[in-house]
């Protein structure tokens, strides 16, 4: 879990800065950089991981689809890394923060107890 969180946090920072330096159509780049840094810090430390990872996944899906829409021959594969990172963010949102995170420290670790199957009535 911790490696997935750290890798996704560094990818958020890297992709946001490369996207902002590549395009000049962003209206307020400092706002987007600060949001990306906040998301990356929350992912790195494991704070509100399911919510932050879901927000990251939504932003990466939007970014990936916006890069796939032009349908130019030279831009055909540019949205795929963003969609791949969205898949990692969805996996992190579904798996949770893990043992080494602020969520585990603040909210406690979750333990899933699977009850044993009920036996048939003939085995009384």
PDB file of N, CA and C in Angstrom:
ATOM      1  N   UNK A   1       0.804  -1.197   0.000  1.00  0.00           N
ATOM      2  CA  UNK A   1       0.000   0.000   0.000  1.00  0.00           C
ATOM      3  C   UNK A   1       0.852   1.268   0.000  1.00  0.00           C
ATOM      4  N   UNK A   2       1.857   1.238   0.853  1.00  0.00           N
ATOM      5  CA  UNK A   2       2.663   2.452   0.979  1.00  0.00           C
ATOM      6  C   UNK A   2       3.388   2.769  -0.325  1.00  0.00           C
ATOM      7  N   UNK A   3       3.841   1.746  -1.023  1.00  0.00           N
ATOM      8  CA  UNK A   3       4.522   1.987  -2.305  1.00  0.00           C
ATOM      9  C   UNK A   3       3.548   2.520  -3.353  1.00  0.00           C
ATOM     10  N   UNK A   4       2.329   2.017  -3.350  1.00  0.00           N
ATOM     11  CA  UNK A   4       1.321   2.514  -4.290  1.00  0.00           C
ATOM     12  C   UNK A   4       0.984   3.961  -3.987  1.00  0.00           C
ATOM     13  N   UNK A   5       0.848   4.294  -2.709  1.00  0.00           N
ATOM     14  CA  UNK A   5       0.560   5.681  -2.337  1.00  0.00           C
ATOM     15  C   UNK A   5       1.689   6.617  -2.727  1.00  0.00           C
ATOM     16  N   UNK A   6       2.931   6.221  -2.460  1.00  0.00           N
ATOM     17  CA  UNK A   6       4.082   7.075  -2.769  1.00  0.00           C
ATOM     18  C   UNK A   6       4.243   7.238  -4.280  1.00  0.00           C
ATOM     19  N   UNK A   7       4.108   6.148  -5.018  1.00  0.00           N
ATOM     20  CA  UNK A   7       4.244   6.227  -6.480  1.00  0.00           C
ATOM     21  C   UNK A   7       3.158   7.099  -7.083  1.00  0.00           C
ATOM     22  N   UNK A   8       1.942   6.976  -6.593  1.00  0.00           N
ATOM     23  CA  UNK A   8       0.852   7.803  -7.117  1.00  0.00           C
ATOM     24  C   UNK A   8       1.049   9.270  -6.741  1.00  0.00           C
ATOM     25  N   UNK A   9       1.559   9.541  -5.554  1.00  0.00           N
ATOM     26  CA  UNK A   9       1.793  10.930  -5.141  1.00  0.00           C
ATOM     27  C   UNK A   9       2.850  11.593  -6.021  1.00  0.00           C
ATOM     28  N   UNK A  10       3.953  10.890  -6.278  1.00  0.00           N
ATOM     29  CA  UNK A  10       4.979  11.457  -7.150  1.00  0.00           C
ATOM     30  C   UNK A  10       4.485  11.591  -8.587  1.00  0.00           C
ATOM     31  N   UNK A  11       3.644  10.680  -9.022  1.00  0.00           N
ATOM     32  CA  UNK A  11       3.088  10.770 -10.374  1.00  0.00           C
ATOM     33  C   UNK A  11       2.146  11.950 -10.510  1.00  0.00           C
ATOM     34  N   UNK A  12       1.382  12.239  -9.460  1.00  0.00           N
ATOM     35  CA  UNK A  12       0.494  13.404  -9.485  1.00  0.00           C
ATOM     36  C   UNK A  12       1.304  14.680  -9.668  1.00  0.00           C
ATOM     37  N   UNK A  13       2.381  14.817  -8.914  1.00  0.00           N
ATOM     38  CA  UNK A  13       3.216  16.018  -9.024  1.00  0.00           C
ATOM     39  C   UNK A  13       3.854  16.100 -10.407  1.00  0.00           C
ATOM     40  N   UNK A  14       4.415  14.999 -10.871  1.00  0.00           N
ATOM     41  CA  UNK A  14       5.100  15.008 -12.158  1.00  0.00           C
ATOM     42  C   UNK A  14       4.136  15.294 -13.311  1.00  0.00           C
ATOM     43  N   UNK A  15       3.017  14.595 -13.346  1.00  0.00           N
ATOM     44  CA  UNK A  15       2.060  14.793 -14.443  1.00  0.00           C
ATOM     45  C   UNK A  15       1.461  16.192 -14.430  1.00  0.00           C
ATOM     46  N   UNK A  16       1.187  16.726 -13.247  1.00  0.00           N
ATOM     47  CA  UNK A  16       0.590  18.065 -13.212  1.00  0.00           C
ATOM     48  C   UNK A  16       1.570  19.120 -13.705  1.00  0.00           C
ATOM     49  N   UNK A  17       2.833  19.015 -13.295  1.00  0.00           N
ATOM     50  CA  UNK A  17       3.808  20.000 -13.754  1.00  0.00           C
ATOM     51  C   UNK A  17       4.115  19.854 -15.245  1.00  0.00           C
ATOM     52  N   UNK A  18       4.188  18.627 -15.748  1.00  0.00           N
ATOM     53  CA  UNK A  18       4.434  18.474 -17.181  1.00  0.00           C
ATOM     54  C   UNK A  18       3.232  18.927 -18.002  1.00  0.00           C
ATOM     55  N   UNK A  19       2.029  18.676 -17.504  1.00  0.00           N
ATOM     56  CA  UNK A  19       0.841  19.133 -18.227  1.00  0.00           C
ATOM     57  C   UNK A  19       0.762  20.657 -18.235  1.00  0.00           C
ATOM     58  N   UNK A  20       1.089  21.284 -17.108  1.00  0.00           N
ATOM     59  CA  UNK A  20       1.006  22.739 -17.043  1.00  0.00           C
ATOM     60  C   UNK A  20       2.097  23.415 -17.857  1.00  0.00           C
ATOM     61  N   UNK A  21       3.265  22.801 -17.968  1.00  0.00           N
ATOM     62  CA  UNK A  21       4.314  23.406 -18.778  1.00  0.00           C
ATOM     63  C   UNK A  21       4.091  23.158 -20.262  1.00  0.00           C
ATOM     64  N   UNK A  22       3.349  22.105 -20.598  1.00  0.00           N
ATOM     65  CA  UNK A  22       3.093  21.778 -21.995  1.00  0.00           C
ATOM     66  C   UNK A  22       1.985  22.620 -22.596  1.00  0.00           C
ATOM     67  N   UNK A  23       0.959  22.923 -21.814  1.00  0.00           N
ATOM     68  CA  UNK A  23      -0.184  23.660 -22.343  1.00  0.00           C
ATOM     69  C   UNK A  23      -0.195  25.069 -21.776  1.00  0.00           C
ATOM     70  N   UNK A  24      -0.677  25.978 -22.557  1.00  0.00           N
ATOM     71  CA  UNK A  24      -0.793  27.363 -22.101  1.00  0.00           C
ATOM     72  C   UNK A  24      -2.255  27.781 -21.980  1.00  0.00           C
ATOM     73  N   UNK A  25      -3.183  26.820 -22.081  1.00  0.00           N
ATOM     74  CA  UNK A  25      -4.603  27.163 -22.029  1.00  0.00           C
ATOM     75  C   UNK A  25      -5.156  27.136 -20.609  1.00  0.00           C
ATOM     76  N   UNK A  26      -4.362  26.778 -19.624  1.00  0.00           N
ATOM     77  CA  UNK A  26      -4.840  26.741 -18.253  1.00  0.00           C
ATOM     78  C   UNK A  26      -4.988  28.166 -17.755  1.00  0.00           C
ATOM     79  N   UNK A  27      -6.181  28.486 -17.207  1.00  0.00           N
ATOM     80  CA  UNK A  27      -6.455  29.867 -16.829  1.00  0.00           C
ATOM     81  C   UNK A  27      -5.671  30.305 -15.595  1.00  0.00           C
ATOM     82  N   UNK A  28      -5.545  29.438 -14.622  1.00  0.00           N
ATOM     83  CA  UNK A  28      -4.827  29.799 -13.407  1.00  0.00           C
ATOM     84  C   UNK A  28      -3.902  28.650 -13.021  1.00  0.00           C
ATOM     85  N   UNK A  29      -2.681  28.627 -13.557  1.00  0.00           N
ATOM     86  CA  UNK A  29      -1.800  27.481 -13.308  1.00  0.00           C
ATOM     87  C   UNK A  29      -1.369  27.329 -11.854  1.00  0.00           C
ATOM     88  N   UNK A  30      -1.249  28.423 -11.112  1.00  0.00           N
ATOM     89  CA  UNK A  30      -0.855  28.305  -9.705  1.00  0.00           C
ATOM     90  C   UNK A  30      -1.926  27.592  -8.889  1.00  0.00           C
ATOM     91  N   UNK A  31      -3.185  27.803  -9.225  1.00  0.00           N
ATOM     92  CA  UNK A  31      -4.268  27.113  -8.532  1.00  0.00           C
ATOM     93  C   UNK A  31      -4.185  25.613  -8.783  1.00  0.00           C
ATOM     94  N   UNK A  32      -3.960  25.228 -10.032  1.00  0.00           N
ATOM     95  CA  UNK A  32      -3.887  23.806 -10.362  1.00  0.00           C
ATOM     96  C   UNK A  32      -2.649  23.155  -9.756  1.00  0.00           C
ATOM     97  N   UNK A  33      -1.540  23.881  -9.728  1.00  0.00           N
ATOM     98  CA  UNK A  33      -0.331  23.328  -9.106  1.00  0.00           C
ATOM     99  C   UNK A  33      -0.525  23.141  -7.602  1.00  0.00           C
ATOM    100  N   UNK A  34      -1.169  24.086  -6.963  1.00  0.00           N
ATOM    101  CA  UNK A  34      -1.381  23.956  -5.518  1.00  0.00           C
ATOM    102  C   UNK A  34      -2.370  22.840  -5.201  1.00  0.00           C
ATOM    103  N   UNK A  35      -3.397  22.673  -6.017  1.00  0.00           N
ATOM    104  CA  UNK A  35      -4.336  21.563  -5.816  1.00  0.00           C
ATOM    105  C   UNK A  35      -3.624  20.231  -6.021  1.00  0.00           C
ATOM    106  N   UNK A  36      -2.780  20.150  -7.040  1.00  0.00           N
ATOM    107  CA  UNK A  36      -2.040  18.916  -7.294  1.00  0.00           C
ATOM    108  C   UNK A  36      -1.081  18.609  -6.151  1.00  0.00           C
ATOM    109  N   UNK A  37      -0.425  19.639  -5.614  1.00  0.00           N
ATOM    110  CA  UNK A  37       0.474  19.419  -4.492  1.00  0.00           C
ATOM    111  C   UNK A  37      -0.273  18.990  -3.231  1.00  0.00           C
ATOM    112  N   UNK A  38      -1.446  19.554  -3.001  1.00  0.00           N
ATOM    113  CA  UNK A  38      -2.245  19.135  -1.850  1.00  0.00           C
ATOM    114  C   UNK A  38      -2.710  17.691  -1.997  1.00  0.00           C
ATOM    115  N   UNK A  39      -3.146  17.326  -3.203  1.00  0.00           N
ATOM    116  CA  UNK A  39      -3.533  15.933  -3.448  1.00  0.00           C
ATOM    117  C   UNK A  39      -2.357  14.994  -3.252  1.00  0.00           C
ATOM    118  N   UNK A  40      -1.194  15.403  -3.754  1.00  0.00           N
ATOM    119  CA  UNK A  40      -0.007  14.555  -3.639  1.00  0.00           C
ATOM    120  C   UNK A  40       0.423  14.403  -2.185  1.00  0.00           C
ATOM    121  N   UNK A  41       0.378  15.472  -1.411  1.00  0.00           N
ATOM    122  CA  UNK A  41       0.742  15.380  -0.002  1.00  0.00           C
ATOM    123  C   UNK A  41      -0.240  14.507   0.777  1.00  0.00           C
ATOM    124  N   UNK A  42      -1.526  14.657   0.484  1.00  0.00           N
ATOM    125  CA  UNK A  42      -2.517  13.827   1.162  1.00  0.00           C
ATOM    126  C   UNK A  42      -2.344  12.354   0.795  1.00  0.00           C
ATOM    127  N   UNK A  43      -2.019  12.087  -0.465  1.00  0.00           N
ATOM    128  CA  UNK A  43      -1.759  10.702  -0.866  1.00  0.00           C
ATOM    129  C   UNK A  43      -0.480  10.172  -0.238  1.00  0.00           C
ATOM    130  N   UNK A  44       0.540  10.981  -0.200  1.00  0.00           N
ATOM    131  CA  UNK A  44       1.830  10.548   0.334  1.00  0.00           C
ATOM    132  C   UNK A  44       1.725  10.157   1.808  1.00  0.00           C
ATOM    133  N   UNK A  45       1.031  10.967   2.579  1.00  0.00           N
ATOM    134  CA  UNK A  45       0.915  10.694   4.005  1.00  0.00           C
ATOM    135  C   UNK A  45      -0.287   9.822   4.355  1.00  0.00           C
ATOM    136  N   UNK A  46      -1.151   9.542   3.392  1.00  0.00           N
ATOM    137  CA  UNK A  46      -2.295   8.684   3.653  1.00  0.00           C
ATOM    138  C   UNK A  46      -3.392   9.367   4.434  1.00  0.00           C
ATOM    139  N   UNK A  47      -3.684  10.607   4.115  1.00  0.00           N
ATOM    140  CA  UNK A  47      -4.737  11.349   4.803  1.00  0.00           C
ATOM    141  C   UNK A  47      -5.988  11.371   3.942  1.00  0.00           C
ATOM    142  N   UNK A  48      -7.075  10.862   4.477  1.00  0.00           N
ATOM    143  CA  UNK A  48      -8.350  10.741   3.761  1.00  0.00           C
ATOM    144  C   UNK A  48      -8.150  10.062   2.402  1.00  0.00           C
ATOM    145  N   UNK A  49      -7.476   8.950   2.424  1.00  0.00           N
ATOM    146  CA  UNK A  49      -7.026   8.284   1.208  1.00  0.00           C
ATOM    147  C   UNK A  49      -8.141   7.919   0.245  1.00  0.00           C
ATOM    148  N   UNK A  50      -9.253   7.306   0.669  1.00  0.00           N
ATOM    149  CA  UNK A  50     -10.290   6.967  -0.317  1.00  0.00           C
ATOM    150  C   UNK A  50     -10.867   8.189  -1.030  1.00  0.00           C
ATOM    151  N   UNK A  51     -11.045   9.276  -0.294  1.00  0.00           N
ATOM    152  CA  UNK A  51     -11.620  10.485  -0.895  1.00  0.00           C
ATOM    153  C   UNK A  51     -10.616  11.150  -1.832  1.00  0.00           C
ATOM    154  N   UNK A  52      -9.389  11.287  -1.375  1.00  0.00           N
ATOM    155  CA  UNK A  52      -8.355  11.936  -2.185  1.00  0.00           C
ATOM    156  C   UNK A  52      -8.022  11.099  -3.414  1.00  0.00           C
ATOM    157  N   UNK A  53      -7.972   9.779  -3.265  1.00  0.00           N
ATOM    158  CA  UNK A  53      -7.678   8.917  -4.414  1.00  0.00           C
ATOM    159  C   UNK A  53      -8.822   8.952  -5.420  1.00  0.00           C
ATOM    160  N   UNK A  54     -10.054   9.031  -4.948  1.00  0.00           N
ATOM    161  CA  UNK A  54     -11.190   9.144  -5.872  1.00  0.00           C
ATOM    162  C   UNK A  54     -11.156  10.483  -6.619  1.00  0.00           C
ATOM    163  N   UNK A  55     -10.811  11.555  -5.923  1.00  0.00           N
ATOM    164  CA  UNK A  55     -10.683  12.864  -6.587  1.00  0.00           C
ATOM    165  C   UNK A  55      -9.545  12.849  -7.598  1.00  0.00           C
ATOM    166  N   UNK A  56      -8.461  12.183  -7.252  1.00  0.00           N
ATOM    167  CA  UNK A  56      -7.341  12.056  -8.184  1.00  0.00           C
ATOM    168  C   UNK A  56      -7.744  11.244  -9.401  1.00  0.00           C
ATOM    169  N   UNK A  57      -8.503  10.178  -9.190  1.00  0.00           N
ATOM    170  CA  UNK A  57      -8.950   9.351 -10.312  1.00  0.00           C
ATOM    171  C   UNK A  57      -9.855  10.136 -11.245  1.00  0.00           C
ATOM    172  N   UNK A  58     -10.766  10.916 -10.685  1.00  0.00           N
ATOM    173  CA  UNK A  58     -11.664  11.723 -11.523  1.00  0.00           C
ATOM    174  C   UNK A  58     -10.874  12.750 -12.326  1.00  0.00           C
ATOM    175  N   UNK A  59      -9.891  13.395 -11.682  1.00  0.00           N
ATOM    176  CA  UNK A  59      -9.106  14.397 -12.407  1.00  0.00           C
ATOM    177  C   UNK A  59      -8.255  13.754 -13.498  1.00  0.00           C
ATOM    178  N   UNK A  60      -7.711  12.559 -13.238  1.00  0.00           N
ATOM    179  CA  UNK A  60      -6.915  11.887 -14.266  1.00  0.00           C
ATOM    180  C   UNK A  60      -7.772  11.377 -15.418  1.00  0.00           C
ATOM    181  N   UNK A  61      -8.982  10.939 -15.127  1.00  0.00           N
ATOM    182  CA  UNK A  61      -9.879  10.524 -16.214  1.00  0.00           C
ATOM    183  C   UNK A  61     -10.225  11.730 -17.077  1.00  0.00           C
ATOM    184  N   UNK A  62     -10.520  12.859 -16.441  1.00  0.00           N
ATOM    185  CA  UNK A  62     -10.816  14.077 -17.211  1.00  0.00           C
ATOM    186  C   UNK A  62      -9.617  14.524 -18.029  1.00  0.00           C
ATOM    187  N   UNK A  63      -8.435  14.470 -17.431  1.00  0.00           N
ATOM    188  CA  UNK A  63      -7.220  14.860 -18.140  1.00  0.00           C
ATOM    189  C   UNK A  63      -6.930  13.904 -19.292  1.00  0.00           C
ATOM    190  N   UNK A  64      -7.090  12.621 -19.056  1.00  0.00           N
ATOM    191  CA  UNK A  64      -6.832  11.640 -20.107  1.00  0.00           C
ATOM    192  C   UNK A  64      -7.797  11.758 -21.265  1.00  0.00           C
ATOM    193  N   UNK A  65      -9.068  11.963 -20.946  1.00  0.00           N
ATOM    194  CA  UNK A  65     -10.053  12.111 -22.020  1.00  0.00           C
ATOM    195  C   UNK A  65      -9.866  13.415 -22.778  1.00  0.00           C
ATOM    196  N   UNK A  66      -9.451  14.468 -22.092  1.00  0.00           N
ATOM    197  CA  UNK A  66      -9.215  15.728 -22.797  1.00  0.00           C
ATOM    198  C   UNK A  66      -8.010  15.635 -23.725  1.00  0.00           C
ATOM    199  N   UNK A  67      -7.051  14.775 -23.382  1.00  0.00           N
ATOM    200  CA  UNK A  67      -5.894  14.603 -24.254  1.00  0.00           C
ATOM    201  C   UNK A  67      -6.194  13.644 -25.400  1.00  0.00           C
ATOM    202  N   UNK A  68      -7.188  12.790 -25.240  1.00  0.00           N
ATOM    203  CA  UNK A  68      -7.539  11.864 -26.312  1.00  0.00           C
ATOM    204  C   UNK A  68      -8.495  12.477 -27.328  1.00  0.00           C
ATOM    205  N   UNK A  69      -9.193  13.541 -26.973  1.00  0.00           N
ATOM    206  CA  UNK A  69     -10.215  14.105 -27.842  1.00  0.00           C
ATOM    207  C   UNK A  69      -9.719  14.740 -29.139  1.00  0.00           C
ATOM    208  N   UNK A  70      -8.543  15.363 -29.207  1.00  0.00           N
ATOM    209  CA  UNK A  70      -8.157  16.023 -30.460  1.00  0.00           C
ATOM    210  C   UNK A  70      -8.029  15.079 -31.656  1.00  0.00           C
ATOM    211  N   UNK A  71      -7.719  13.834 -31.448  1.00  0.00           N
ATOM    212  CA  UNK A  71      -7.594  12.827 -32.497  1.00  0.00           C
ATOM    213  C   UNK A  71      -6.581  13.207 -33.568  1.00  0.00           C
ATOM    214  N   UNK A  72      -5.547  13.896 -33.179  1.00  0.00           N
ATOM    215  CA  UNK A  72      -4.430  14.118 -34.088  1.00  0.00           C
ATOM    216  C   UNK A  72      -3.538  12.890 -34.081  1.00  0.00           C
ATOM    217  N   UNK A  73      -2.847  12.662 -35.169  1.00  0.00           N
ATOM    218  CA  UNK A  73      -1.996  11.473 -35.257  1.00  0.00           C
ATOM    219  C   UNK A  73      -0.833  11.538 -34.280  1.00  0.00           C
ATOM    220  N   UNK A  74      -0.297  12.730 -34.045  1.00  0.00           N
ATOM    221  CA  UNK A  74       0.840  12.844 -33.143  1.00  0.00           C
ATOM    222  C   UNK A  74       0.420  12.893 -31.676  1.00  0.00           C
ATOM    223  N   UNK A  75      -0.865  13.077 -31.370  1.00  0.00           N
ATOM    224  CA  UNK A  75      -1.338  13.144 -30.002  1.00  0.00           C
ATOM    225  C   UNK A  75      -2.146  11.912 -29.592  1.00  0.00           C
ATOM    226  N   UNK A  76      -2.089  10.863 -30.392  1.00  0.00           N
ATOM    227  CA  UNK A  76      -2.989   9.743 -30.175  1.00  0.00           C
ATOM    228  C   UNK A  76      -2.761   9.038 -28.850  1.00  0.00           C
ATOM    229  N   UNK A  77      -1.546   8.841 -28.418  1.00  0.00           N
ATOM    230  CA  UNK A  77      -1.296   8.103 -27.193  1.00  0.00           C
ATOM    231  C   UNK A  77      -1.010   8.948 -25.977  1.00  0.00           C
ATOM    232  N   UNK A  78      -1.235  10.255 -26.026  1.00  0.00           N
ATOM    233  CA  UNK A  78      -0.866  11.120 -24.910  1.00  0.00           C
ATOM    234  C   UNK A  78      -1.795  10.990 -23.712  1.00  0.00           C
ATOM    235  N   UNK A  79      -3.015  10.565 -23.904  1.00  0.00           N
ATOM    236  CA  UNK A  79      -3.942  10.450 -22.786  1.00  0.00           C
ATOM    237  C   UNK A  79      -3.849   9.139 -22.048  1.00  0.00           C
ATOM    238  N   UNK A  80      -3.137   8.175 -22.614  1.00  0.00           N
ATOM    239  CA  UNK A  80      -3.069   6.855 -21.987  1.00  0.00           C
ATOM    240  C   UNK A  80      -2.341   6.836 -20.648  1.00  0.00           C
ATOM    241  N   UNK A  81      -1.229   7.550 -20.457  1.00  0.00           N
ATOM    242  CA  UNK A  81      -0.619   7.555 -19.114  1.00  0.00           C
ATOM    243  C   UNK A  81      -1.544   8.130 -18.040  1.00  0.00           C
ATOM    244  N   UNK A  82      -2.339   9.117 -18.389  1.00  0.00           N
ATOM    245  CA  UNK A  82      -3.277   9.675 -17.412  1.00  0.00           C
ATOM    246  C   UNK A  82      -4.355   8.663 -17.053  1.00  0.00           C
ATOM    247  N   UNK A  83      -4.831   7.915 -18.030  1.00  0.00           N
ATOM    248  CA  UNK A  83      -5.836   6.893 -17.741  1.00  0.00           C
ATOM    249  C   UNK A  83      -5.239   5.739 -16.938  1.00  0.00           C
ATOM    250  N   UNK A  84      -3.968   5.454 -17.162  1.00  0.00           N
ATOM    251  CA  UNK A  84      -3.301   4.422 -16.369  1.00  0.00           C
ATOM    252  C   UNK A  84      -3.164   4.868 -14.909  1.00  0.00           C
ATOM    253  N   UNK A  85      -2.802   6.123 -14.697  1.00  0.00           N
ATOM    254  CA  UNK A  85      -2.712   6.635 -13.333  1.00  0.00           C
ATOM    255  C   UNK A  85      -4.084   6.721 -12.682  1.00  0.00           C
ATOM    256  N   UNK A  86      -5.127   6.956 -13.472  1.00  0.00           N
ATOM    257  CA  UNK A  86      -6.488   6.926 -12.926  1.00  0.00           C
ATOM    258  C   UNK A  86      -6.838   5.531 -12.431  1.00  0.00           C
ATOM    259  N   UNK A  87      -6.368   4.507 -13.145  1.00  0.00           N
ATOM    260  CA  UNK A  87      -6.591   3.136 -12.707  1.00  0.00           C
ATOM    261  C   UNK A  87      -5.890   2.866 -11.388  1.00  0.00           C
ATOM    262  N   UNK A  88      -4.671   3.347 -11.223  1.00  0.00           N
ATOM    263  CA  UNK A  88      -3.957   3.193  -9.962  1.00  0.00           C
ATOM    264  C   UNK A  88      -4.665   3.931  -8.828  1.00  0.00           C
ATOM    265  N   UNK A  89      -5.189   5.112  -9.124  1.00  0.00           N
ATOM    266  CA  UNK A  89      -5.898   5.879  -8.098  1.00  0.00           C
ATOM    267  C   UNK A  89      -7.191   5.182  -7.687  1.00  0.00           C
ATOM    268  N   UNK A  90      -7.890   4.571  -8.641  1.00  0.00           N
ATOM    269  CA  UNK A  90      -9.100   3.817  -8.303  1.00  0.00           C
ATOM    270  C   UNK A  90      -8.750   2.620  -7.441  1.00  0.00           C
ATOM    271  N   UNK A  91      -7.656   1.930  -7.776  1.00  0.00           N
ATOM    272  CA  UNK A  91      -7.220   0.791  -6.960  1.00  0.00           C
ATOM    273  C   UNK A  91      -6.890   1.236  -5.540  1.00  0.00           C
ATOM    274  N   UNK A  92      -6.222   2.364  -5.394  1.00  0.00           N
ATOM    275  CA  UNK A  92      -5.880   2.869  -4.070  1.00  0.00           C
ATOM    276  C   UNK A  92      -7.129   3.281  -3.306  1.00  0.00           C
ATOM    277  N   UNK A  93      -8.095   3.871  -3.988  1.00  0.00           N
ATOM    278  CA  UNK A  93      -9.335   4.264  -3.320  1.00  0.00           C
ATOM    279  C   UNK A  93     -10.101   3.044  -2.812  1.00  0.00           C
ATOM    280  N   UNK A  94     -10.061   1.961  -3.568  1.00  0.00           N
ATOM    281  CA  UNK A  94     -10.782   0.759  -3.153  1.00  0.00           C
ATOM    282  C   UNK A  94     -10.028  -0.042  -2.108  1.00  0.00           C
ATOM    283  N   UNK A  95      -8.700  -0.015  -2.140  1.00  0.00           N
ATOM    284  CA  UNK A  95      -7.914  -0.780  -1.176  1.00  0.00           C
ATOM    285  C   UNK A  95      -7.778  -0.083   0.171  1.00  0.00           C
ATOM    286  N   UNK A  96      -7.772   1.230   0.173  1.00  0.00           N
ATOM    287  CA  UNK A  96      -7.638   1.963   1.423  1.00  0.00           C
ATOM    288  C   UNK A  96      -6.212   2.398   1.675  1.00  0.00           C
ATOM    289  N   UNK A  97      -5.979   3.081   2.775  1.00  0.00           N
ATOM    290  CA  UNK A  97      -4.676   3.687   3.027  1.00  0.00           C
ATOM    291  C   UNK A  97      -3.589   2.727   3.473  1.00  0.00           C
ATOM    292  N   UNK A  98      -3.936   1.662   4.151  1.00  0.00           N
ATOM    293  CA  UNK A  98      -2.919   0.743   4.652  1.00  0.00           C
ATOM    294  C   UNK A  98      -2.536   1.047   6.086  1.00  0.00           C
ATOM    295  N   UNK A  99      -1.609   0.280   6.617  1.00  0.00           N
ATOM    296  CA  UNK A  99      -1.241   0.369   8.029  1.00  0.00           C
ATOM    297  C   UNK A  99      -0.387   1.595   8.335  1.00  0.00           C
ATOM    298  N   UNK A 100       0.454   1.992   7.412  1.00  0.00           N
ATOM    299  CA  UNK A 100       1.367   3.105   7.648  1.00  0.00           C
ATOM    300  C   UNK A 100       0.807   4.366   7.008  1.00  0.00           C
ATOM    301  N   UNK A 101      -0.176   4.960   7.649  1.00  0.00           N
ATOM    302  CA  UNK A 101      -0.806   6.156   7.094  1.00  0.00           C
ATOM    303  C   UNK A 101      -1.394   6.984   8.231  1.00  0.00           C
ATOM    304  N   UNK A 102      -1.746   8.206   7.912  1.00  0.00           N
ATOM    305  CA  UNK A 102      -2.407   9.051   8.901  1.00  0.00           C
ATOM    306  C   UNK A 102      -3.819   8.570   9.165  1.00  0.00           C
ATOM    307  N   UNK A 103      -4.468   7.986   8.163  1.00  0.00           N
ATOM    308  CA  UNK A 103      -5.812   7.440   8.372  1.00  0.00           C
ATOM    309  C   UNK A 103      -5.794   6.335   9.417  1.00  0.00           C
ATOM    310  N   UNK A 104      -4.802   5.466   9.366  1.00  0.00           N
ATOM    311  CA  UNK A 104      -4.702   4.397  10.357  1.00  0.00           C
ATOM    312  C   UNK A 104      -4.410   4.973  11.734  1.00  0.00           C
ATOM    313  N   UNK A 105      -3.664   6.042  11.792  1.00  0.00           N
ATOM    314  CA  UNK A 105      -3.333   6.671  13.070  1.00  0.00           C
ATOM    315  C   UNK A 105      -4.551   7.391  13.653  1.00  0.00           C
ATOM    316  N   UNK A 106      -5.285   8.130  12.826  1.00  0.00           N
ATOM    317  CA  UNK A 106      -6.422   8.904  13.322  1.00  0.00           C
ATOM    318  C   UNK A 106      -7.671   8.062  13.543  1.00  0.00           C
ATOM    319  N   UNK A 107      -7.979   7.199  12.589  1.00  0.00           N
ATOM    320  CA  UNK A 107      -9.253   6.486  12.611  1.00  0.00           C
ATOM    321  C   UNK A 107      -9.126   5.028  13.037  1.00  0.00           C
ATOM    322  N   UNK A 108      -7.917   4.540  13.212  1.00  0.00           N
ATOM    323  CA  UNK A 108      -7.706   3.152  13.600  1.00  0.00           C
ATOM    324  C   UNK A 108      -7.677   2.242  12.381  1.00  0.00           C
ATOM    325  N   UNK A 109      -7.054   1.094  12.576  1.00  0.00           N
ATOM    326  CA  UNK A 109      -6.988   0.132  11.488  1.00  0.00           C
ATOM    327  C   UNK A 109      -8.301  -0.616  11.403  1.00  0.00           C
ATOM    328  N   UNK A 110      -8.694  -0.956  10.206  1.00  0.00           N
ATOM    329  CA  UNK A 110      -9.932  -1.699  10.008  1.00  0.00           C
ATOM    330  C   UNK A 110      -9.615  -3.166   9.858  1.00  0.00           C
ATOM    331  N   UNK A 111     -10.417  -3.966  10.501  1.00  0.00           N
ATOM    332  CA  UNK A 111     -10.233  -5.403  10.423  1.00  0.00           C
ATOM    333  C   UNK A 111     -11.540  -6.012   9.940  1.00  0.00           C
ATOM    334  N   UNK A 112     -11.433  -6.802   8.915  1.00  0.00           N
ATOM    335  CA  UNK A 112     -12.612  -7.463   8.368  1.00  0.00           C
ATOM    336  C   UNK A 112     -12.650  -8.879   8.917  1.00  0.00           C
ATOM    337  N   UNK A 113     -13.735  -9.206   9.594  1.00  0.00           N
ATOM    338  CA  UNK A 113     -13.908 -10.540  10.153  1.00  0.00           C
ATOM    339  C   UNK A 113     -14.946 -11.267   9.321  1.00  0.00           C
ATOM    340  N   UNK A 114     -14.530 -12.332   8.706  1.00  0.00           N
ATOM    341  CA  UNK A 114     -15.425 -13.125   7.874  1.00  0.00           C
ATOM    342  C   UNK A 114     -15.968 -14.256   8.739  1.00  0.00           C
ATOM    343  N   UNK A 115     -17.288 -14.273   8.952  1.00  0.00           N
ATOM    344  CA  UNK A 115     -17.837 -15.321   9.810  1.00  0.00           C
ATOM    345  C   UNK A 115     -17.753 -16.677   9.114  1.00  0.00           C
ATOM    346  N   UNK A 116     -17.628 -17.714   9.927  1.00  0.00           N
ATOM    347  CA  UNK A 116     -17.581 -19.059   9.347  1.00  0.00           C
ATOM    348  C   UNK A 116     -18.952 -19.396   8.782  1.00  0.00           C
ATOM    349  N   UNK A 117     -18.960 -20.241   7.796  1.00  0.00           N
ATOM    350  CA  UNK A 117     -20.221 -20.603   7.138  1.00  0.00           C
ATOM    351  C   UNK A 117     -21.094 -21.381   8.106  1.00  0.00           C
ATOM    352  N   UNK A 118     -22.372 -21.143   8.038  1.00  0.00           N
ATOM    353  CA  UNK A 118     -23.302 -21.878   8.890  1.00  0.00           C
ATOM    354  C   UNK A 118     -23.402 -23.309   8.407  1.00  0.00           C
ATOM    355  N   UNK A 119     -23.435 -24.174   9.346  1.00  0.00           N
ATOM    356  CA  UNK A 119     -23.525 -25.589   9.007  1.00  0.00           C
ATOM    357  C   UNK A 119     -24.976 -25.981   8.844  1.00  0.00           C
ATOM    358  N   UNK A 120     -25.165 -27.028   8.110  1.00  0.00           N
ATOM    359  CA  UNK A 120     -26.524 -27.519   7.877  1.00  0.00           C
ATOM    360  C   UNK A 120     -27.155 -28.027   9.148  1.00  0.00           C
ATOM    361  N   UNK A 121     -28.470 -28.174   9.154  1.00  0.00           N
ATOM    362  CA  UNK A 121     -29.201 -28.599  10.344  1.00  0.00           C
ATOM    363  C   UNK A 121     -28.957 -30.064  10.671  1.00  0.00           C
ATOM    364  N   UNK A 122     -28.505 -30.842   9.725  1.00  0.00           N
ATOM    365  CA  UNK A 122     -28.326 -32.266   9.967  1.00  0.00           C
ATOM    366  C   UNK A 122     -27.080 -32.551  10.813  1.00  0.00           C
ATOM    367  N   UNK A 123     -26.219 -31.578  11.030  1.00  0.00           N
ATOM    368  CA  UNK A 123     -24.988 -31.788  11.784  1.00  0.00           C
ATOM    369  C   UNK A 123     -25.111 -31.380  13.234  1.00  0.00           C
ATOM    370  N   UNK A 124     -26.283 -31.317  13.783  1.00  0.00           N
ATOM    371  CA  UNK A 124     -26.464 -30.913  15.176  1.00  0.00           C
ATOM    372  C   UNK A 124     -25.744 -31.809  16.033  1.00  0.00           C
TER     373      UNK A 124
END
